[in-house]
Amino acid sequence: MNLGVYTIINDPLPKLFKIKTINVEEKQFEYTDSIVELLKDELKVDKMDSEFVYALSLTYGLVPRGILLVSMGNNETHIANMRGLGIGLLLTGAEQFMVFHNHPGKNKRPSEADYEM
């Protein structure tokens, strides 16, 4: 199945803008490991030198509906747009979602900002 990777643009109303399409097996994501593998294989999040925040839009059955680029930052921080996240989830028809981001400095420990978000 084709899975879109989107960002939100205002033109003048908010709408999805497709950044790319990735081909994934049509299946449920039963384990977080399978989601992490998708992110590494298709979005190369483990190789990015800046911090990116994404959201995975899912059905109740954990079938993916789309991936949203929530924010881009530098190698230390980002500012997540919660309004854009909410709008993107509504536009993709999310019934559930998961938010995730990379740590370009390779430090896997959550920061204070991670906990606050």
Protein backbone atom coordinates (compact mmCIF):
# COMPACT_ATOMS: atom_id res chain seq x y z
CA MET A 1 0.00 0.00 0.00
CA ASN A 2 1.12 3.57 -0.59
CA LEU A 3 1.56 5.67 2.53
CA GLY A 4 1.82 9.45 2.21
CA VAL A 5 4.24 11.60 4.17
CA TYR A 6 2.64 15.02 4.64
CA THR A 7 3.10 18.47 6.05
CA ILE A 8 0.41 21.08 6.60
CA ILE A 9 0.19 24.20 4.44
CA ASN A 10 -2.27 27.07 4.74
CA ASP A 11 -3.73 27.93 1.33
CA PRO A 12 -5.71 29.88 2.81
CA LEU A 13 -7.24 27.01 4.80
CA PRO A 14 -5.05 24.24 6.22
CA LYS A 15 -4.55 21.25 3.95
CA LEU A 16 -2.20 18.32 3.54
CA PHE A 17 0.80 18.70 1.27
CA LYS A 18 2.36 15.40 0.23
CA ILE A 19 6.14 15.39 0.63
CA LYS A 20 6.63 11.84 -0.58
CA THR A 21 4.97 8.46 -0.92
CA ILE A 22 6.39 5.29 0.54
CA ASN A 23 5.33 1.76 -0.22
CA VAL A 24 4.63 -0.38 2.85
CA GLU A 25 3.03 -3.74 3.37
CA GLU A 26 -0.64 -3.40 4.18
CA LYS A 27 -0.65 -4.64 7.74
CA GLN A 28 -1.12 -3.70 11.30
CA PHE A 29 1.76 -2.30 13.28
CA GLU A 30 1.59 -4.68 16.22
CA TYR A 31 5.00 -3.80 17.64
CA THR A 32 6.91 -0.55 17.93
CA ASP A 33 9.94 -2.31 16.43
CA SER A 34 8.16 -2.52 13.06
CA ILE A 35 7.41 1.22 13.20
CA VAL A 36 11.04 2.02 14.07
CA GLU A 37 12.22 -0.09 11.12
CA LEU A 38 9.86 1.78 8.78
CA LEU A 39 11.21 5.11 10.03
CA LYS A 40 14.80 4.03 9.59
CA ASP A 41 14.29 2.40 6.19
CA GLU A 42 12.00 4.96 4.54
CA LEU A 43 12.60 8.27 6.33
CA LYS A 44 16.23 7.69 7.36
CA VAL A 45 15.57 9.24 10.79
CA ASP A 46 18.64 7.56 12.23
CA LYS A 47 20.87 9.41 9.72
CA MET A 48 19.45 12.94 10.04
CA ASP A 49 21.65 15.64 11.52
CA SER A 50 18.69 17.78 12.61
CA GLU A 51 15.80 16.94 14.91
CA PHE A 52 12.51 16.05 13.21
CA VAL A 53 9.16 15.31 14.84
CA TYR A 54 6.72 13.05 13.00
CA ALA A 55 3.29 11.62 13.80
CA LEU A 56 1.97 8.33 12.50
CA SER A 57 -1.77 8.47 11.80
CA LEU A 58 -3.43 5.09 12.46
CA THR A 59 -6.83 3.41 12.40
CA TYR A 60 -8.19 1.70 15.51
CA GLY A 61 -6.77 -1.52 14.08
CA LEU A 62 -3.26 0.04 13.92
CA VAL A 63 -3.26 0.25 10.11
CA PRO A 64 -1.30 3.34 8.97
CA ARG A 65 -3.16 6.21 7.31
CA GLY A 66 -0.27 8.63 6.85
CA ILE A 67 2.85 10.16 8.35
CA LEU A 68 2.89 13.84 9.30
CA LEU A 69 5.98 16.01 9.52
CA VAL A 70 5.17 18.00 12.65
CA SER A 71 8.36 20.04 12.99
CA MET A 72 11.97 20.39 11.95
CA GLY A 73 14.64 21.76 14.23
CA ASN A 74 18.39 21.97 14.56
CA ASN A 75 20.72 19.42 16.14
CA GLU A 76 19.58 20.37 19.65
CA THR A 77 15.93 21.37 19.62
CA HIS A 78 12.68 21.84 17.70
CA ILE A 79 9.41 23.66 18.20
CA ALA A 80 6.44 21.37 17.63
CA ASN A 81 3.31 22.89 16.13
CA MET A 82 0.47 21.30 18.11
CA ARG A 83 -2.18 23.04 15.99
CA GLY A 84 -0.64 21.60 12.83
CA LEU A 85 -0.45 18.18 14.46
CA GLY A 86 -4.15 18.26 15.35
CA ILE A 87 -5.20 19.48 11.91
CA GLY A 88 -3.02 16.89 10.16
CA LEU A 89 -4.45 14.07 12.25
CA LEU A 90 -8.00 15.19 11.47
CA LEU A 91 -7.25 15.49 7.74
CA THR A 92 -5.73 12.00 7.57
CA GLY A 93 -8.69 10.52 9.45
CA ALA A 94 -6.61 9.36 12.39
CA GLU A 95 -8.39 7.22 14.94
CA GLN A 96 -5.15 6.79 16.89
CA PHE A 97 -1.72 8.30 16.50
CA MET A 98 1.85 8.03 17.67
CA VAL A 99 4.31 10.93 17.84
CA PHE A 100 8.02 10.27 17.50
CA HIS A 101 11.26 12.09 16.84
CA ASN A 102 14.92 11.43 16.31
CA HIS A 103 17.87 12.39 18.48
CA PRO A 104 20.60 13.50 16.04
CA GLY A 105 23.20 13.63 18.82
CA LYS A 106 22.71 9.86 19.31
CA ASN A 107 21.79 10.42 22.99
CA LYS A 108 18.73 8.21 23.39
CA ARG A 109 17.76 9.55 26.81
CA PRO A 110 14.62 11.73 26.74
CA SER A 111 15.26 15.40 27.47
CA GLU A 112 13.15 17.66 29.68
CA ALA A 113 11.60 19.08 26.48
CA ASP A 114 10.67 15.53 25.39
CA TYR A 115 8.79 14.98 28.64
CA GLU A 116 7.09 18.39 28.41
CA MET A 117 5.84 17.68 24.91
